[in-house]
């Protein structure tokens, strides 16, 4: 009986994942407002009633899509906020490269929907995603504040810089192509260098010179 329950649970997760995958593609192709539960069911090869076995509404599906990618991104960077030994410069580099690589591994459609779909969520679901994003923001702010305090970063406005960095990462994934001239690794390194050059102390003797940074990640 227990094995059967485990198989049923695994099958349910697979089916739920398929609904999210098909819905994400439709939200991109037709727009969230124009996509119906019937459209999603048709793409999944099932009846509309079957969708309600996993989701309460179309909005609930959108929340599932956004929550999934946001949770994964937060889980990847969270350990960086708990690292008290690695230099802030290297932590910042790891955060930028980790976040960009993760998004680059996803389809551009889901990255775009996650970035723009917040307005279509219910107040409750919107608060849940904002709370997740705050966890990410707190990790980044902690790194920036440590760097400012240690002298690795200039006297910056951490809040503004903390908004700019993820925006740069997300927007860069809108145009990035794995078939392009540069790899995800190379693009993420350019983003880091651009950010670091903008926030490093003007007194070069007190800063990490970009050309002296190790090529490998701290992570």
Protein backbone atom coordinates (compact mmCIF):
# COMPACT_ATOMS: atom_id res chain seq x y z
CA UNK A 1 0.00 0.00 0.00
CA UNK A 2 2.80 2.39 0.87
CA UNK A 3 4.61 1.75 -2.43
CA UNK A 4 1.39 2.39 -4.31
CA UNK A 5 0.94 5.71 -2.50
CA UNK A 6 4.52 6.67 -3.36
CA UNK A 7 3.95 5.79 -7.04
CA UNK A 8 0.72 7.79 -7.08
CA UNK A 9 2.47 10.76 -5.48
CA UNK A 10 5.34 10.58 -8.00
CA UNK A 11 2.85 10.36 -10.87
CA UNK A 12 0.96 13.34 -9.50
CA UNK A 13 4.13 15.41 -9.35
CA UNK A 14 5.00 14.49 -12.93
CA UNK A 15 1.52 15.44 -14.16
CA UNK A 16 1.58 18.68 -12.19
CA UNK A 17 4.96 19.52 -13.70
CA UNK A 18 3.55 18.88 -17.18
CA UNK A 19 0.66 21.28 -16.53
CA UNK A 20 3.11 23.98 -15.45
CA UNK A 21 5.30 23.39 -18.50
CA UNK A 22 2.42 23.58 -20.97
CA UNK A 23 0.85 26.57 -19.23
CA UNK A 24 4.12 28.47 -19.24
CA UNK A 25 4.43 28.00 -23.02
CA UNK A 26 0.85 29.17 -23.56
CA UNK A 27 1.23 32.20 -21.29
CA UNK A 28 4.18 33.20 -23.45
CA UNK A 29 2.48 32.53 -26.79
CA UNK A 30 -1.00 33.88 -26.10
CA UNK A 31 -0.54 36.02 -23.01
CA UNK A 32 -1.86 35.22 -19.56
CA UNK A 33 -5.22 36.94 -20.04
CA UNK A 34 -5.91 35.19 -23.36
CA UNK A 35 -4.98 31.71 -22.15
CA UNK A 36 -7.82 29.58 -20.80
CA UNK A 37 -7.94 26.43 -18.67
CA UNK A 38 -9.36 24.73 -21.77
CA UNK A 39 -6.23 25.75 -23.73
CA UNK A 40 -3.98 24.33 -21.03
CA UNK A 41 -5.96 21.10 -20.81
CA UNK A 42 -5.83 20.69 -24.60
CA UNK A 43 -2.05 21.15 -24.58
CA UNK A 44 -1.77 18.54 -21.81
CA UNK A 45 -4.05 16.09 -23.65
CA UNK A 46 -6.67 15.99 -20.92
CA UNK A 47 -10.02 17.46 -19.93
CA UNK A 48 -10.30 20.86 -18.25
CA UNK A 49 -11.69 19.12 -15.15
CA UNK A 50 -8.42 17.18 -14.79
CA UNK A 51 -6.47 20.41 -14.37
CA UNK A 52 -8.46 21.18 -11.24
CA UNK A 53 -7.07 18.04 -9.63
CA UNK A 54 -3.80 19.96 -9.25
CA UNK A 55 -4.68 23.66 -9.39
CA UNK A 56 -7.59 25.75 -8.12
CA UNK A 57 -7.51 28.24 -10.99
CA UNK A 58 -5.50 29.66 -13.87
CA UNK A 59 -3.99 32.17 -11.45
CA UNK A 60 -2.92 29.29 -9.25
CA UNK A 61 -1.06 27.80 -12.22
CA UNK A 62 0.71 31.10 -12.89
CA UNK A 63 1.71 31.22 -9.23
CA UNK A 64 3.10 27.69 -9.55
CA UNK A 65 5.23 28.70 -12.54
CA UNK A 66 6.63 31.81 -10.82
CA UNK A 67 7.06 30.18 -7.41
CA UNK A 68 9.01 27.26 -8.86
CA UNK A 69 11.73 29.28 -10.58
CA UNK A 70 11.91 31.89 -7.80
CA UNK A 71 12.33 29.23 -5.10
CA UNK A 72 15.09 27.52 -7.06
CA UNK A 73 16.99 30.80 -7.53
CA UNK A 74 16.69 31.67 -3.83
CA UNK A 75 17.89 28.22 -2.75
CA UNK A 76 20.98 28.60 -4.94
CA UNK A 77 22.10 31.94 -3.49
CA UNK A 78 20.99 31.50 0.12
CA UNK A 79 24.24 29.76 1.22
CA UNK A 80 26.19 32.84 0.08
CA UNK A 81 24.45 34.90 2.74
CA UNK A 82 25.62 32.47 5.42
CA UNK A 83 29.26 32.56 4.30
CA UNK A 84 31.21 34.74 6.71
CA UNK A 85 34.71 33.81 5.53
CA UNK A 86 34.79 34.38 1.76
CA UNK A 87 35.53 37.95 0.67
CA UNK A 88 32.52 40.10 -0.31
CA UNK A 89 33.99 40.55 -3.79
CA UNK A 90 34.08 36.82 -4.39
CA UNK A 91 30.64 36.36 -2.85
CA UNK A 92 29.22 38.99 -5.18
CA UNK A 93 30.89 37.31 -8.11
CA UNK A 94 29.45 33.93 -7.08
CA UNK A 95 25.95 35.37 -6.69
CA UNK A 96 25.96 37.04 -10.10
CA UNK A 97 27.41 34.04 -11.90
CA UNK A 98 25.18 31.52 -10.08
CA UNK A 99 22.02 33.50 -10.76
CA UNK A 100 22.86 34.15 -14.40
CA UNK A 101 23.84 30.52 -15.09
CA UNK A 102 20.60 29.33 -13.52
CA UNK A 103 18.43 31.63 -15.62
CA UNK A 104 20.45 30.85 -18.75
CA UNK A 105 19.65 27.16 -18.22
CA UNK A 106 15.91 27.96 -18.25
CA UNK A 107 13.78 28.77 -21.26
CA UNK A 108 13.53 32.48 -21.95
CA UNK A 109 9.76 32.22 -21.81
CA UNK A 110 9.70 31.25 -18.14
CA UNK A 111 12.27 33.92 -17.24
CA UNK A 112 10.09 36.57 -18.90
CA UNK A 113 6.89 35.33 -17.26
CA UNK A 114 8.54 35.26 -13.84
CA UNK A 115 9.72 38.83 -14.37
CA UNK A 116 6.40 40.26 -15.60
CA UNK A 117 3.69 37.97 -14.21
CA UNK A 118 3.65 39.35 -10.66
CA UNK A 119 0.90 41.84 -11.51
CA UNK A 120 -1.48 39.01 -12.49
CA UNK A 121 -1.17 37.18 -9.16
CA UNK A 122 -3.67 37.41 -6.32
CA UNK A 123 -2.62 39.60 -3.37
CA UNK A 124 -1.86 36.49 -1.31
CA UNK A 125 0.31 34.89 -3.98
CA UNK A 126 1.96 38.20 -4.78
CA UNK A 127 2.98 38.57 -1.13
CA UNK A 128 4.41 35.04 -1.13
CA UNK A 129 6.61 35.76 -4.19
CA UNK A 130 7.67 39.13 -2.81
CA UNK A 131 8.68 37.38 0.41
CA UNK A 132 10.80 34.92 -1.57
CA UNK A 133 12.41 37.74 -3.52
CA UNK A 134 13.13 39.52 -0.24
CA UNK A 135 15.17 36.50 0.86
CA UNK A 136 17.27 36.92 -2.28
CA UNK A 137 17.50 40.68 -1.73
CA UNK A 138 18.62 40.17 1.87
CA UNK A 139 21.48 37.90 0.77
CA UNK A 140 22.65 40.47 -1.78
CA UNK A 141 22.31 43.35 0.68
CA UNK A 142 24.32 41.46 3.28
CA UNK A 143 27.15 40.96 0.79
CA UNK A 144 27.09 44.61 -0.29
CA UNK A 145 27.05 45.87 3.29
CA UNK A 146 29.92 43.60 4.28
CA UNK A 147 31.91 44.87 1.31
CA UNK A 148 31.18 48.48 2.13
CA UNK A 149 32.16 47.97 5.76
CA UNK A 150 35.38 46.12 4.87
CA UNK A 151 36.39 48.70 2.26
CA UNK A 152 36.07 46.24 -0.63
CA UNK A 153 33.23 48.35 -2.04
CA UNK A 154 32.85 52.12 -2.21
CA UNK A 155 30.41 54.19 -0.16
CA UNK A 156 27.42 52.97 -2.20
CA UNK A 157 23.67 53.05 -1.74
CA UNK A 158 23.22 49.33 -1.09
CA UNK A 159 19.48 49.41 -1.75
CA UNK A 160 19.81 50.95 -5.19
CA UNK A 161 22.73 48.72 -6.16
CA UNK A 162 20.75 45.77 -4.78
CA UNK A 163 17.92 46.60 -7.18
CA UNK A 164 20.21 47.16 -10.16
CA UNK A 165 22.15 43.89 -9.97
CA UNK A 166 19.25 41.40 -10.26
CA UNK A 167 17.64 43.61 -12.91
CA UNK A 168 20.82 43.46 -14.96
CA UNK A 169 21.00 39.68 -14.54
CA UNK A 170 17.36 39.05 -15.48
CA UNK A 171 17.27 41.48 -18.41
CA UNK A 172 20.51 40.09 -19.82
CA UNK A 173 18.83 36.69 -20.00
CA UNK A 174 16.12 38.13 -22.24
CA UNK A 175 18.60 38.58 -25.09
CA UNK A 176 21.18 35.93 -24.18
CA UNK A 177 21.37 32.93 -26.52
CA UNK A 178 23.31 29.73 -25.92
CA UNK A 179 24.02 29.77 -29.66
CA UNK A 180 25.56 33.23 -29.47
CA UNK A 181 29.19 34.29 -29.60
CA UNK A 182 29.72 34.20 -25.84
CA UNK A 183 28.85 31.51 -23.31
CA UNK A 184 26.78 32.01 -20.16
CA UNK A 185 30.02 31.89 -18.16
CA UNK A 186 31.55 34.67 -20.23
CA UNK A 187 28.45 36.86 -20.09
CA UNK A 188 28.12 36.43 -16.33
CA UNK A 189 31.76 37.38 -15.91
CA UNK A 190 31.19 40.55 -17.95
CA UNK A 191 28.21 41.42 -15.74
CA UNK A 192 30.29 40.93 -12.61
CA UNK A 193 33.16 43.04 -13.93
CA UNK A 194 30.75 45.80 -14.97
CA UNK A 195 29.12 45.82 -11.52
CA UNK A 196 32.42 45.62 -9.64
CA UNK A 197 34.03 48.43 -11.62
CA UNK A 198 31.06 50.58 -10.67
CA UNK A 199 31.22 49.93 -6.93
CA UNK A 200 34.88 49.32 -6.15
CA UNK A 201 36.71 51.98 -4.10
CA UNK A 202 38.30 54.74 -6.12
CA UNK A 203 41.51 54.15 -4.17
CA UNK A 204 42.84 51.22 -6.21
CA UNK A 205 45.32 50.24 -3.54
CA UNK A 206 42.41 49.40 -1.26
CA UNK A 207 40.51 47.43 -3.87
CA UNK A 208 40.71 44.10 -5.58
CA UNK A 209 41.93 44.80 -9.10
CA UNK A 210 39.59 43.14 -11.55
CA UNK A 211 42.45 41.73 -13.61
CA UNK A 212 43.81 40.03 -10.48
CA UNK A 213 40.58 38.22 -9.63
CA UNK A 214 40.90 34.45 -9.98
CA UNK A 215 39.21 32.93 -12.99
CA UNK A 216 37.41 30.27 -10.97
CA UNK A 217 34.36 30.81 -8.77
CA UNK A 218 34.60 30.97 -5.02
CA UNK A 219 31.72 28.53 -4.79
